[in-house]
């Protein structure tokens, strides 16, 4: 009986000590984890916008590069990340974030546009839980690389973007979808179409203000 009691007491003490250690380590690591997450977020914006930076820099350096080159502003519900190279005054690119539900979970990304707010400069997906080898390919270089130089408007200058079946002749506002990942492709298309409409509204506001 005494042996059983000692075992219970030892287990309770050991569990308490482990819990305390984990709590202390978690609190110590939290700021570092937050800084790394922030740096990774900045990496995605900088990459999409085409801002030059050393790929091996620390999270802190990434944030510094971002702060020196990117101006953040809002227009209604749209947050604009404008790339104005350090030492210059003219915007070189503008990025907007987007988010929606994929097949298995949230999908988040950033789309960078040329100053005309029509031509795509770069695209990055920084959060997704899609099936590896299928929908998860939205984060691959071959997929996002298709978007550069495409437009988020059709031939009639109306907002919209399409993901089409591979083998279909693409036009200026479409790219190849992912074979075997129809639902993920459709949901990404919906996100980009919605974003195109929001950007079109911003473009119209700018045009109105310039008159």
N, C-alpha and C. Protein backbone atom coordinates (compact mmCIF):
# COMPACT_ATOMS: atom_id res chain seq x y z
N UNK A 1 0.83 -1.21 0.00
CA UNK A 1 0.00 0.00 0.00
C UNK A 1 0.86 1.25 0.00
N UNK A 2 1.94 1.19 0.88
CA UNK A 2 2.82 2.34 0.92
C UNK A 2 3.54 2.54 -0.41
N UNK A 3 3.90 1.42 -1.03
CA UNK A 3 4.57 1.50 -2.34
C UNK A 3 3.64 2.13 -3.37
N UNK A 4 2.37 1.77 -3.32
CA UNK A 4 1.40 2.35 -4.26
C UNK A 4 1.26 3.85 -4.01
N UNK A 5 1.26 4.24 -2.73
CA UNK A 5 1.14 5.66 -2.40
C UNK A 5 2.34 6.45 -2.89
N UNK A 6 3.54 5.83 -2.68
CA UNK A 6 4.75 6.51 -3.16
C UNK A 6 4.72 6.69 -4.68
N UNK A 7 4.20 5.68 -5.37
CA UNK A 7 4.11 5.75 -6.83
C UNK A 7 3.18 6.88 -7.27
N UNK A 8 2.04 6.99 -6.59
CA UNK A 8 1.08 8.04 -6.91
C UNK A 8 1.67 9.41 -6.64
N UNK A 9 2.33 9.57 -5.49
CA UNK A 9 2.94 10.85 -5.14
C UNK A 9 4.03 11.22 -6.13
N UNK A 10 4.87 10.24 -6.46
CA UNK A 10 5.95 10.49 -7.42
C UNK A 10 5.38 10.91 -8.77
N UNK A 11 4.35 10.22 -9.24
CA UNK A 11 3.74 10.54 -10.53
C UNK A 11 3.15 11.95 -10.53
N UNK A 12 2.51 12.31 -9.40
CA UNK A 12 1.91 13.65 -9.30
C UNK A 12 2.97 14.73 -9.31
N UNK A 13 4.04 14.51 -8.53
CA UNK A 13 5.14 15.50 -8.50
C UNK A 13 5.82 15.62 -9.86
N UNK A 14 6.07 14.45 -10.47
CA UNK A 14 6.72 14.47 -11.79
C UNK A 14 5.87 15.18 -12.82
N UNK A 15 4.55 14.92 -12.79
CA UNK A 15 3.64 15.58 -13.72
C UNK A 15 3.60 17.08 -13.51
N UNK A 16 3.62 17.49 -12.22
CA UNK A 16 3.59 18.92 -11.91
C UNK A 16 4.86 19.61 -12.40
N UNK A 17 6.02 18.97 -12.14
CA UNK A 17 7.30 19.54 -12.58
C UNK A 17 7.33 19.68 -14.10
N UNK A 18 6.88 18.65 -14.81
CA UNK A 18 6.87 18.69 -16.28
C UNK A 18 5.96 19.81 -16.78
N UNK A 19 4.79 19.95 -16.13
CA UNK A 19 3.84 20.99 -16.54
C UNK A 19 4.45 22.37 -16.35
N UNK A 20 5.15 22.56 -15.22
CA UNK A 20 5.79 23.86 -14.95
C UNK A 20 6.86 24.15 -15.99
N UNK A 21 7.68 23.13 -16.29
CA UNK A 21 8.75 23.31 -17.28
C UNK A 21 8.17 23.67 -18.64
N UNK A 22 7.14 22.95 -19.05
CA UNK A 22 6.53 23.22 -20.35
C UNK A 22 5.93 24.62 -20.40
N UNK A 23 5.33 25.05 -19.30
CA UNK A 23 4.74 26.39 -19.25
C UNK A 23 5.82 27.46 -19.40
N UNK A 24 6.92 27.28 -18.66
CA UNK A 24 8.02 28.25 -18.71
C UNK A 24 8.63 28.30 -20.10
N UNK A 25 8.88 27.12 -20.68
CA UNK A 25 9.47 27.06 -22.03
C UNK A 25 8.52 27.69 -23.05
N UNK A 26 7.22 27.40 -22.89
CA UNK A 26 6.24 27.96 -23.83
C UNK A 26 6.21 29.47 -23.78
N UNK A 27 6.24 30.02 -22.56
CA UNK A 27 6.22 31.47 -22.43
C UNK A 27 7.51 32.10 -22.97
N UNK A 28 8.64 31.42 -22.75
CA UNK A 28 9.92 31.92 -23.25
C UNK A 28 9.96 31.90 -24.78
N UNK A 29 9.39 30.83 -25.36
CA UNK A 29 9.46 30.66 -26.81
C UNK A 29 8.43 31.48 -27.56
N UNK A 30 7.34 31.90 -26.87
CA UNK A 30 6.25 32.59 -27.56
C UNK A 30 6.69 33.81 -28.36
N UNK A 31 7.49 34.73 -27.78
CA UNK A 31 7.92 35.90 -28.57
C UNK A 31 8.75 35.52 -29.79
N UNK A 32 9.60 34.49 -29.63
CA UNK A 32 10.42 34.04 -30.76
C UNK A 32 9.55 33.43 -31.85
N UNK A 33 8.57 32.64 -31.43
CA UNK A 33 7.66 32.03 -32.40
C UNK A 33 6.86 33.10 -33.13
N UNK A 34 6.39 34.10 -32.39
CA UNK A 34 5.62 35.18 -33.00
C UNK A 34 6.48 35.96 -34.00
N UNK A 35 7.75 36.21 -33.63
CA UNK A 35 8.66 36.93 -34.52
C UNK A 35 8.92 36.13 -35.79
N UNK A 36 9.10 34.82 -35.66
CA UNK A 36 9.33 33.98 -36.83
C UNK A 36 8.11 33.94 -37.74
N UNK A 37 6.92 33.86 -37.13
CA UNK A 37 5.69 33.86 -37.93
C UNK A 37 5.52 35.19 -38.66
N UNK A 38 5.83 36.28 -37.97
CA UNK A 38 5.74 37.60 -38.60
C UNK A 38 6.75 37.72 -39.74
N UNK A 39 7.96 37.22 -39.51
CA UNK A 39 8.97 37.26 -40.56
C UNK A 39 8.57 36.45 -41.77
N UNK A 40 7.95 35.28 -41.54
CA UNK A 40 7.50 34.45 -42.66
C UNK A 40 6.39 35.14 -43.44
N UNK A 41 5.51 35.83 -42.72
CA UNK A 41 4.46 36.59 -43.39
C UNK A 41 5.07 37.68 -44.28
N UNK A 42 6.07 38.38 -43.74
CA UNK A 42 6.74 39.42 -44.51
C UNK A 42 7.45 38.84 -45.73
N UNK A 43 8.02 37.63 -45.57
CA UNK A 43 8.70 36.98 -46.69
C UNK A 43 7.75 36.76 -47.86
N UNK A 44 6.53 36.36 -47.56
CA UNK A 44 5.55 36.12 -48.62
C UNK A 44 5.17 37.41 -49.33
N UNK A 45 4.97 38.49 -48.58
CA UNK A 45 4.64 39.77 -49.21
C UNK A 45 5.81 40.26 -50.05
N UNK A 46 7.01 40.19 -49.51
CA UNK A 46 8.19 40.68 -50.24
C UNK A 46 8.40 39.88 -51.52
N UNK A 47 8.23 38.55 -51.43
CA UNK A 47 8.42 37.70 -52.60
C UNK A 47 7.39 38.00 -53.68
N UNK A 48 6.12 38.11 -53.29
CA UNK A 48 5.06 38.40 -54.26
C UNK A 48 5.27 39.76 -54.91
N UNK A 49 5.69 40.75 -54.13
CA UNK A 49 5.89 42.10 -54.65
C UNK A 49 7.15 42.23 -55.49
N UNK A 50 8.07 41.28 -55.34
CA UNK A 50 9.32 41.36 -56.08
C UNK A 50 10.36 42.24 -55.41
N UNK A 51 10.25 42.40 -54.09
CA UNK A 51 11.24 43.20 -53.35
C UNK A 51 12.49 42.35 -53.16
N UNK A 52 13.66 42.83 -53.56
CA UNK A 52 14.87 42.03 -53.40
C UNK A 52 15.30 41.92 -51.94
N UNK A 53 15.68 40.70 -51.54
CA UNK A 53 16.20 40.48 -50.19
C UNK A 53 16.98 39.18 -50.18
N UNK A 54 17.88 39.06 -49.22
CA UNK A 54 18.68 37.85 -49.07
C UNK A 54 17.81 36.74 -48.49
N UNK A 55 17.76 35.62 -49.18
CA UNK A 55 16.88 34.53 -48.75
C UNK A 55 17.27 33.97 -47.38
N UNK A 56 18.50 34.24 -46.92
CA UNK A 56 18.97 33.66 -45.66
C UNK A 56 18.86 34.63 -44.48
N UNK A 57 18.25 35.80 -44.70
CA UNK A 57 18.19 36.79 -43.63
C UNK A 57 17.27 36.31 -42.50
N UNK A 58 17.46 36.89 -41.33
CA UNK A 58 16.65 36.53 -40.17
C UNK A 58 15.26 37.14 -40.27
N UNK A 59 14.37 36.69 -39.39
CA UNK A 59 13.01 37.22 -39.36
C UNK A 59 13.03 38.71 -39.09
N UNK A 60 13.90 39.14 -38.18
CA UNK A 60 14.00 40.56 -37.87
C UNK A 60 14.43 41.39 -39.06
N UNK A 61 15.37 40.85 -39.84
CA UNK A 61 15.83 41.56 -41.03
C UNK A 61 14.74 41.64 -42.10
N UNK A 62 13.94 40.58 -42.21
CA UNK A 62 12.83 40.58 -43.17
C UNK A 62 11.84 41.69 -42.83
N UNK A 63 11.53 41.81 -41.55
CA UNK A 63 10.61 42.86 -41.12
C UNK A 63 11.19 44.23 -41.41
N UNK A 64 12.50 44.38 -41.23
CA UNK A 64 13.17 45.66 -41.51
C UNK A 64 13.10 45.99 -43.00
N UNK A 65 13.36 45.00 -43.86
CA UNK A 65 13.26 45.21 -45.31
C UNK A 65 11.84 45.61 -45.69
N UNK A 66 10.87 44.94 -45.10
CA UNK A 66 9.47 45.25 -45.36
C UNK A 66 9.15 46.69 -44.97
N UNK A 67 9.56 47.08 -43.78
CA UNK A 67 9.25 48.43 -43.28
C UNK A 67 9.89 49.52 -44.14
N UNK A 68 11.05 49.24 -44.72
CA UNK A 68 11.75 50.25 -45.53
C UNK A 68 11.16 50.38 -46.93
N UNK A 69 10.50 49.33 -47.42
CA UNK A 69 10.07 49.31 -48.82
C UNK A 69 8.57 49.24 -49.06
N UNK A 70 7.81 48.89 -48.05
CA UNK A 70 6.38 48.66 -48.26
C UNK A 70 5.55 49.60 -47.38
N UNK A 71 4.61 50.27 -48.02
CA UNK A 71 3.70 51.15 -47.30
C UNK A 71 2.33 50.48 -47.21
N UNK A 72 1.78 50.45 -46.03
CA UNK A 72 0.50 49.78 -45.80
C UNK A 72 -0.59 50.83 -45.63
N UNK A 73 -1.65 50.70 -46.42
CA UNK A 73 -2.78 51.62 -46.33
C UNK A 73 -4.08 50.87 -46.55
N UNK A 74 -5.18 51.53 -46.31
CA UNK A 74 -6.49 50.89 -46.48
C UNK A 74 -7.38 51.70 -47.41
N UNK A 75 -8.26 50.99 -48.07
CA UNK A 75 -9.31 51.62 -48.86
C UNK A 75 -10.57 50.80 -48.63
N UNK A 76 -11.46 51.32 -47.80
CA UNK A 76 -12.62 50.54 -47.41
C UNK A 76 -12.17 49.33 -46.62
N UNK A 77 -12.56 48.13 -47.06
CA UNK A 77 -12.14 46.90 -46.40
C UNK A 77 -10.91 46.29 -47.03
N UNK A 78 -10.34 46.97 -48.02
CA UNK A 78 -9.19 46.44 -48.74
C UNK A 78 -7.90 47.06 -48.19
N UNK A 79 -6.99 46.20 -47.72
CA UNK A 79 -5.68 46.65 -47.24
C UNK A 79 -4.69 46.54 -48.40
N UNK A 80 -4.01 47.64 -48.70
CA UNK A 80 -3.07 47.68 -49.82
C UNK A 80 -1.64 47.74 -49.30
N UNK A 81 -0.80 46.87 -49.83
CA UNK A 81 0.62 46.84 -49.49
C UNK A 81 1.38 47.34 -50.72
N UNK A 82 1.81 48.59 -50.67
CA UNK A 82 2.41 49.23 -51.84
C UNK A 82 3.93 49.21 -51.75
N UNK A 83 4.54 48.64 -52.77
CA UNK A 83 6.01 48.56 -52.84
C UNK A 83 6.55 49.84 -53.46
N UNK A 84 7.19 50.65 -52.64
CA UNK A 84 7.88 51.85 -53.09
C UNK A 84 9.35 51.66 -52.74
N UNK A 85 10.20 51.31 -53.73
CA UNK A 85 11.60 51.02 -53.42
C UNK A 85 12.24 52.13 -52.59
N UNK A 86 13.03 51.71 -51.63
CA UNK A 86 13.69 52.65 -50.74
C UNK A 86 14.44 53.71 -51.53
N UNK A 87 14.21 54.97 -51.18
CA UNK A 87 14.86 56.07 -51.87
C UNK A 87 14.12 56.59 -53.08
N UNK A 88 12.93 56.02 -53.37
CA UNK A 88 12.13 56.46 -54.51
C UNK A 88 10.76 56.91 -54.01
N UNK A 89 9.96 57.41 -54.94
CA UNK A 89 8.61 57.87 -54.57
C UNK A 89 7.50 57.19 -55.38
N UNK A 90 7.86 56.52 -56.47
CA UNK A 90 6.84 55.92 -57.33
C UNK A 90 6.58 54.46 -56.95
N UNK A 91 5.32 54.09 -56.81
CA UNK A 91 5.00 52.69 -56.48
C UNK A 91 5.36 51.76 -57.62
N UNK A 92 5.93 50.62 -57.28
CA UNK A 92 6.33 49.64 -58.28
C UNK A 92 5.37 48.47 -58.35
N UNK A 93 4.69 48.20 -57.26
CA UNK A 93 3.72 47.10 -57.22
C UNK A 93 2.82 47.28 -56.00
N UNK A 94 1.66 46.64 -56.06
CA UNK A 94 0.68 46.72 -54.97
C UNK A 94 0.17 45.31 -54.67
N UNK A 95 0.18 44.92 -53.40
CA UNK A 95 -0.27 43.59 -53.02
C UNK A 95 -1.52 43.67 -52.16
N UNK A 96 -2.34 42.65 -52.27
CA UNK A 96 -3.53 42.52 -51.43
C UNK A 96 -3.58 41.07 -50.95
N UNK A 97 -4.06 40.89 -49.73
CA UNK A 97 -4.18 39.54 -49.20
C UNK A 97 -5.57 38.99 -49.49
N UNK A 98 -5.69 37.69 -49.44
CA UNK A 98 -7.00 37.05 -49.63
C UNK A 98 -7.06 35.79 -48.78
N UNK A 99 -8.26 35.34 -48.54
CA UNK A 99 -8.45 34.13 -47.73
C UNK A 99 -9.80 33.51 -48.06
N UNK A 100 -9.90 32.23 -47.83
CA UNK A 100 -11.15 31.52 -48.06
C UNK A 100 -11.00 30.08 -47.61
N UNK A 101 -12.04 29.31 -47.76
CA UNK A 101 -12.00 27.90 -47.38
C UNK A 101 -11.59 27.05 -48.57
N UNK A 102 -10.57 26.24 -48.36
CA UNK A 102 -10.21 25.24 -49.34
C UNK A 102 -11.04 23.99 -49.12
N UNK A 103 -10.55 22.86 -49.58
CA UNK A 103 -11.29 21.61 -49.40
C UNK A 103 -11.24 21.13 -47.95
N UNK A 104 -10.08 21.30 -47.30
CA UNK A 104 -9.90 20.76 -45.96
C UNK A 104 -9.68 21.81 -44.88
N UNK A 105 -9.52 23.05 -45.25
CA UNK A 105 -9.26 24.07 -44.25
C UNK A 105 -9.03 25.42 -44.90
N UNK A 106 -8.68 26.42 -44.09
CA UNK A 106 -8.48 27.77 -44.61
C UNK A 106 -7.31 27.84 -45.59
N UNK A 107 -7.49 28.67 -46.59
CA UNK A 107 -6.42 28.98 -47.54
C UNK A 107 -6.18 30.49 -47.48
N UNK A 108 -4.93 30.88 -47.28
CA UNK A 108 -4.59 32.29 -47.23
C UNK A 108 -3.43 32.57 -48.18
N UNK A 109 -3.47 33.74 -48.80
CA UNK A 109 -2.42 34.08 -49.74
C UNK A 109 -2.32 35.57 -49.96
N UNK A 110 -1.38 35.93 -50.81
CA UNK A 110 -1.18 37.34 -51.17
C UNK A 110 -0.97 37.42 -52.68
N UNK A 111 -1.66 38.37 -53.30
CA UNK A 111 -1.57 38.60 -54.73
C UNK A 111 -0.97 39.98 -54.95
N UNK A 112 0.11 40.04 -55.71
CA UNK A 112 0.76 41.31 -56.02
C UNK A 112 0.45 41.70 -57.46
N UNK A 113 0.13 42.97 -57.66
CA UNK A 113 -0.25 43.49 -58.97
C UNK A 113 0.69 44.62 -59.38
N UNK A 114 0.79 44.82 -60.68
CA UNK A 114 1.51 45.99 -61.18
C UNK A 114 0.68 47.23 -60.82
N UNK A 115 1.25 48.42 -60.94
CA UNK A 115 0.51 49.64 -60.56
C UNK A 115 -0.81 49.84 -61.30
N UNK A 116 -1.00 49.14 -62.45
CA UNK A 116 -2.27 49.28 -63.16
C UNK A 116 -3.42 48.57 -62.44
N UNK A 117 -3.07 47.78 -61.40
CA UNK A 117 -4.05 47.00 -60.62
C UNK A 117 -4.80 46.00 -61.49
N UNK A 118 -4.19 45.58 -62.59
CA UNK A 118 -4.79 44.58 -63.47
C UNK A 118 -3.84 43.41 -63.74
N UNK A 119 -2.56 43.70 -63.85
CA UNK A 119 -1.57 42.70 -64.24
C UNK A 119 -0.91 42.08 -63.01
N UNK A 120 -0.88 40.76 -62.97
CA UNK A 120 -0.33 40.06 -61.82
C UNK A 120 1.20 40.09 -61.84
N UNK A 121 1.77 40.45 -60.72
CA UNK A 121 3.22 40.47 -60.56
C UNK A 121 3.70 39.21 -59.84
N UNK A 122 2.93 38.74 -58.88
CA UNK A 122 3.32 37.54 -58.15
C UNK A 122 2.19 37.04 -57.27
N UNK A 123 2.27 35.78 -56.89
CA UNK A 123 1.25 35.16 -56.05
C UNK A 123 1.93 34.22 -55.07
N UNK A 124 1.46 34.25 -53.83
CA UNK A 124 1.99 33.33 -52.82
C UNK A 124 0.83 32.81 -51.95
N UNK A 125 0.88 31.52 -51.65
CA UNK A 125 -0.04 30.94 -50.67
C UNK A 125 0.78 30.65 -49.42
N UNK A 126 0.39 31.24 -48.29
CA UNK A 126 1.18 31.05 -47.08
C UNK A 126 0.47 30.23 -46.01
N UNK A 127 -0.75 29.82 -46.27
CA UNK A 127 -1.43 28.89 -45.37
C UNK A 127 -2.40 28.05 -46.18
N UNK A 128 -2.28 26.73 -46.05
CA UNK A 128 -3.22 25.83 -46.73
C UNK A 128 -3.07 24.44 -46.14
N UNK A 129 -4.16 23.69 -46.16
CA UNK A 129 -4.19 22.35 -45.60
C UNK A 129 -4.69 21.35 -46.64
N UNK A 130 -4.42 21.64 -47.91
CA UNK A 130 -4.94 20.78 -48.97
C UNK A 130 -4.14 19.48 -49.09
N UNK A 131 -4.69 18.52 -49.80
CA UNK A 131 -4.09 17.19 -49.90
C UNK A 131 -2.72 17.25 -50.57
N UNK A 132 -1.66 16.76 -49.90
CA UNK A 132 -0.33 16.75 -50.52
C UNK A 132 -0.35 16.01 -51.85
N UNK A 133 0.29 16.59 -52.86
CA UNK A 133 0.35 15.96 -54.17
C UNK A 133 -0.84 16.25 -55.04
N UNK A 134 -1.93 16.80 -54.44
CA UNK A 134 -3.11 17.17 -55.21
C UNK A 134 -3.38 18.65 -54.97
N UNK A 135 -4.38 18.97 -54.14
CA UNK A 135 -4.68 20.37 -53.87
C UNK A 135 -3.52 21.13 -53.24
N UNK A 136 -2.65 20.39 -52.52
CA UNK A 136 -1.50 21.02 -51.89
C UNK A 136 -0.53 21.63 -52.89
N UNK A 137 -0.70 21.28 -54.16
CA UNK A 137 0.17 21.82 -55.21
C UNK A 137 -0.05 23.32 -55.45
N UNK A 138 -1.09 23.90 -54.83
CA UNK A 138 -1.29 25.34 -55.01
C UNK A 138 -0.09 26.14 -54.48
N UNK A 139 0.69 25.52 -53.59
CA UNK A 139 1.86 26.21 -53.07
C UNK A 139 3.13 25.95 -53.84
N UNK A 140 3.05 25.13 -54.89
CA UNK A 140 4.25 24.76 -55.65
C UNK A 140 4.66 25.87 -56.62
N UNK A 141 5.94 25.86 -56.96
CA UNK A 141 6.47 26.89 -57.87
C UNK A 141 5.82 26.82 -59.25
N UNK A 142 5.54 25.60 -59.74
CA UNK A 142 4.98 25.50 -61.09
C UNK A 142 3.58 26.12 -61.14
N UNK A 143 2.83 25.98 -60.05
CA UNK A 143 1.47 26.51 -60.06
C UNK A 143 1.47 28.02 -59.94
N UNK A 144 2.11 28.55 -58.91
CA UNK A 144 2.09 30.01 -58.72
C UNK A 144 2.86 30.73 -59.82
N UNK A 145 3.84 30.04 -60.43
CA UNK A 145 4.62 30.67 -61.49
C UNK A 145 3.79 31.00 -62.73
N UNK A 146 2.66 30.29 -62.91
CA UNK A 146 1.80 30.55 -64.06
C UNK A 146 1.16 31.94 -64.04
N UNK A 147 1.01 32.49 -62.85
CA UNK A 147 0.21 33.71 -62.69
C UNK A 147 0.95 34.98 -63.13
N UNK A 148 2.26 34.97 -63.07
CA UNK A 148 3.03 36.18 -63.39
C UNK A 148 2.73 36.64 -64.81
N UNK A 149 2.35 37.90 -64.95
CA UNK A 149 2.05 38.48 -66.25
C UNK A 149 0.61 38.29 -66.69
N UNK A 150 -0.16 37.44 -65.98
CA UNK A 150 -1.58 37.30 -66.29
C UNK A 150 -2.34 38.50 -65.76
N UNK A 151 -3.61 38.60 -66.14
CA UNK A 151 -4.43 39.75 -65.73
C UNK A 151 -5.66 39.27 -64.97
N UNK A 152 -6.16 40.11 -64.08
CA UNK A 152 -7.34 39.74 -63.30
C UNK A 152 -8.61 40.30 -63.92
N UNK A 153 -8.51 40.71 -65.17
CA UNK A 153 -9.68 41.16 -65.94
C UNK A 153 -9.71 40.41 -67.26
N UNK A 154 -10.92 40.27 -67.84
CA UNK A 154 -11.04 39.57 -69.11
C UNK A 154 -10.85 40.53 -70.27
N UNK A 155 -11.13 40.06 -71.49
CA UNK A 155 -10.93 40.88 -72.68
C UNK A 155 -11.84 42.10 -72.72
N UNK A 156 -12.92 42.05 -71.95
CA UNK A 156 -13.82 43.20 -71.87
C UNK A 156 -13.48 44.12 -70.70
N UNK A 157 -12.37 43.84 -70.05
CA UNK A 157 -11.90 44.61 -68.91
C UNK A 157 -12.78 44.43 -67.68
N UNK A 158 -13.55 43.34 -67.66
CA UNK A 158 -14.36 43.03 -66.50
C UNK A 158 -13.57 42.16 -65.53
N UNK A 159 -13.77 42.35 -64.21
CA UNK A 159 -12.99 41.57 -63.25
C UNK A 159 -13.33 40.10 -63.29
N UNK A 160 -12.32 39.26 -63.16
CA UNK A 160 -12.54 37.83 -63.15
C UNK A 160 -11.26 37.07 -63.46
N UNK A 161 -11.12 35.88 -62.87
CA UNK A 161 -9.96 35.04 -63.14
C UNK A 161 -10.41 33.59 -63.16
N UNK A 162 -9.79 32.79 -64.03
CA UNK A 162 -10.24 31.41 -64.20
C UNK A 162 -9.08 30.42 -64.06
N UNK A 163 -9.40 29.27 -63.51
CA UNK A 163 -8.51 28.12 -63.54
C UNK A 163 -9.14 27.12 -64.48
N UNK A 164 -8.45 26.80 -65.56
CA UNK A 164 -9.03 25.97 -66.61
C UNK A 164 -8.35 24.60 -66.65
N UNK A 165 -9.05 23.63 -67.24
CA UNK A 165 -8.53 22.28 -67.35
C UNK A 165 -7.22 22.28 -68.14
N UNK A 166 -6.25 21.52 -67.64
CA UNK A 166 -4.96 21.46 -68.34
C UNK A 166 -5.17 20.93 -69.76
N UNK A 167 -4.51 21.58 -70.70
CA UNK A 167 -4.69 21.25 -72.11
C UNK A 167 -5.56 22.25 -72.82
N UNK A 168 -6.35 23.02 -72.04
CA UNK A 168 -7.15 24.10 -72.60
C UNK A 168 -6.23 25.28 -72.93
N UNK A 169 -6.48 25.90 -74.06
CA UNK A 169 -5.65 27.04 -74.42
C UNK A 169 -5.95 28.19 -73.46
N UNK A 170 -4.96 28.58 -72.65
CA UNK A 170 -5.22 29.64 -71.66
C UNK A 170 -5.29 31.01 -72.32
N UNK A 171 -6.07 31.90 -71.73
CA UNK A 171 -6.08 33.28 -72.21
C UNK A 171 -5.42 34.15 -71.16
N UNK A 172 -5.56 35.44 -71.30
CA UNK A 172 -4.77 36.36 -70.45
C UNK A 172 -5.24 36.38 -69.00
N UNK A 173 -6.43 35.87 -68.72
CA UNK A 173 -6.90 35.86 -67.34
C UNK A 173 -7.23 34.44 -66.86
N UNK A 174 -6.40 33.47 -67.29
CA UNK A 174 -6.59 32.10 -66.82
C UNK A 174 -5.25 31.37 -66.74
N UNK A 175 -5.22 30.35 -65.89
CA UNK A 175 -4.05 29.47 -65.77
C UNK A 175 -4.56 28.03 -65.66
N UNK A 176 -3.66 27.08 -65.76
CA UNK A 176 -4.03 25.67 -65.63
C UNK A 176 -4.45 25.34 -64.21
N UNK A 177 -5.55 24.63 -64.08
CA UNK A 177 -5.96 24.12 -62.78
C UNK A 177 -5.09 22.91 -62.43
N UNK A 178 -5.28 22.37 -61.24
CA UNK A 178 -4.50 21.21 -60.81
C UNK A 178 -5.29 19.95 -61.12
N UNK A 179 -4.72 19.09 -61.93
CA UNK A 179 -5.39 17.84 -62.29
C UNK A 179 -5.65 16.99 -61.06
N UNK A 180 -6.89 16.53 -60.89
CA UNK A 180 -7.25 15.70 -59.75
C UNK A 180 -7.60 16.48 -58.51
N UNK A 181 -7.59 17.80 -58.61
CA UNK A 181 -7.92 18.64 -57.44
C UNK A 181 -8.94 19.69 -57.87
N UNK A 182 -10.04 19.21 -58.42
CA UNK A 182 -11.06 20.11 -58.96
C UNK A 182 -11.64 21.04 -57.89
N UNK A 183 -11.95 20.50 -56.71
CA UNK A 183 -12.59 21.32 -55.69
C UNK A 183 -11.65 22.39 -55.16
N UNK A 184 -10.39 22.04 -54.96
CA UNK A 184 -9.42 23.04 -54.52
C UNK A 184 -9.27 24.12 -55.59
N UNK A 185 -9.15 23.70 -56.84
CA UNK A 185 -8.99 24.65 -57.94
C UNK A 185 -10.19 25.59 -58.01
N UNK A 186 -11.40 25.02 -57.89
CA UNK A 186 -12.61 25.85 -57.95
C UNK A 186 -12.64 26.87 -56.81
N UNK A 187 -12.22 26.45 -55.64
CA UNK A 187 -12.28 27.36 -54.49
C UNK A 187 -11.22 28.46 -54.59
N UNK A 188 -10.06 28.12 -55.10
CA UNK A 188 -9.04 29.14 -55.34
C UNK A 188 -9.53 30.12 -56.40
N UNK A 189 -10.16 29.59 -57.44
CA UNK A 189 -10.71 30.46 -58.48
C UNK A 189 -11.73 31.43 -57.88
N UNK A 190 -12.61 30.94 -57.02
CA UNK A 190 -13.61 31.80 -56.40
C UNK A 190 -12.96 32.90 -55.56
N UNK A 191 -11.91 32.54 -54.83
CA UNK A 191 -11.20 33.55 -54.03
C UNK A 191 -10.62 34.65 -54.92
N UNK A 192 -10.00 34.24 -56.02
CA UNK A 192 -9.37 35.22 -56.90
C UNK A 192 -10.40 36.05 -57.65
N UNK A 193 -11.53 35.44 -58.00
CA UNK A 193 -12.58 36.22 -58.65
C UNK A 193 -13.15 37.27 -57.70
N UNK A 194 -13.36 36.88 -56.45
CA UNK A 194 -13.85 37.83 -55.45
C UNK A 194 -12.84 38.96 -55.24
N UNK A 195 -11.57 38.60 -55.17
CA UNK A 195 -10.53 39.61 -55.00
C UNK A 195 -10.47 40.54 -56.21
N UNK A 196 -10.64 39.98 -57.40
CA UNK A 196 -10.62 40.80 -58.62
C UNK A 196 -11.71 41.85 -58.60
N UNK A 197 -12.89 41.48 -58.08
CA UNK A 197 -13.99 42.44 -57.98
C UNK A 197 -13.66 43.56 -56.99
N UNK A 198 -13.06 43.19 -55.86
CA UNK A 198 -12.69 44.19 -54.87
C UNK A 198 -11.63 45.14 -55.41
N UNK A 199 -10.66 44.60 -56.13
CA UNK A 199 -9.61 45.43 -56.70
C UNK A 199 -10.18 46.35 -57.78
N UNK A 200 -11.15 45.84 -58.55
CA UNK A 200 -11.79 46.66 -59.58
C UNK A 200 -12.47 47.87 -58.95
N UNK A 201 -13.09 47.66 -57.80
CA UNK A 201 -13.74 48.78 -57.10
C UNK A 201 -12.70 49.80 -56.67
N UNK A 202 -11.56 49.35 -56.20
CA UNK A 202 -10.47 50.26 -55.81
C UNK A 202 -9.94 51.00 -57.03
N UNK A 203 -9.84 50.29 -58.16
CA UNK A 203 -9.33 50.91 -59.39
C UNK A 203 -10.29 52.02 -59.84
N UNK A 204 -11.60 51.77 -59.74
CA UNK A 204 -12.58 52.77 -60.12
C UNK A 204 -12.53 53.98 -59.19
N UNK A 205 -12.31 53.72 -57.90
CA UNK A 205 -12.19 54.83 -56.96
C UNK A 205 -11.00 55.70 -57.30
N UNK A 206 -9.90 55.07 -57.66
CA UNK A 206 -8.70 55.85 -58.02
C UNK A 206 -8.95 56.66 -59.27
N UNK A 207 -9.64 56.06 -60.24
CA UNK A 207 -9.94 56.77 -61.47
C UNK A 207 -10.83 57.98 -61.20
N UNK A 208 -11.80 57.76 -60.31
CA UNK A 208 -12.70 58.88 -59.97
C UNK A 208 -11.98 60.00 -59.28
N UNK A 209 -11.02 59.64 -58.39
CA UNK A 209 -10.31 60.66 -57.68
C UNK A 209 -9.36 61.44 -58.56
N UNK A 210 -8.93 60.79 -59.69
CA UNK A 210 -7.95 61.46 -60.56
C UNK A 210 -8.60 62.44 -61.52
N UNK A 211 -9.93 62.40 -61.63
CA UNK A 211 -10.61 63.29 -62.56
C UNK A 211 -10.88 64.65 -61.94
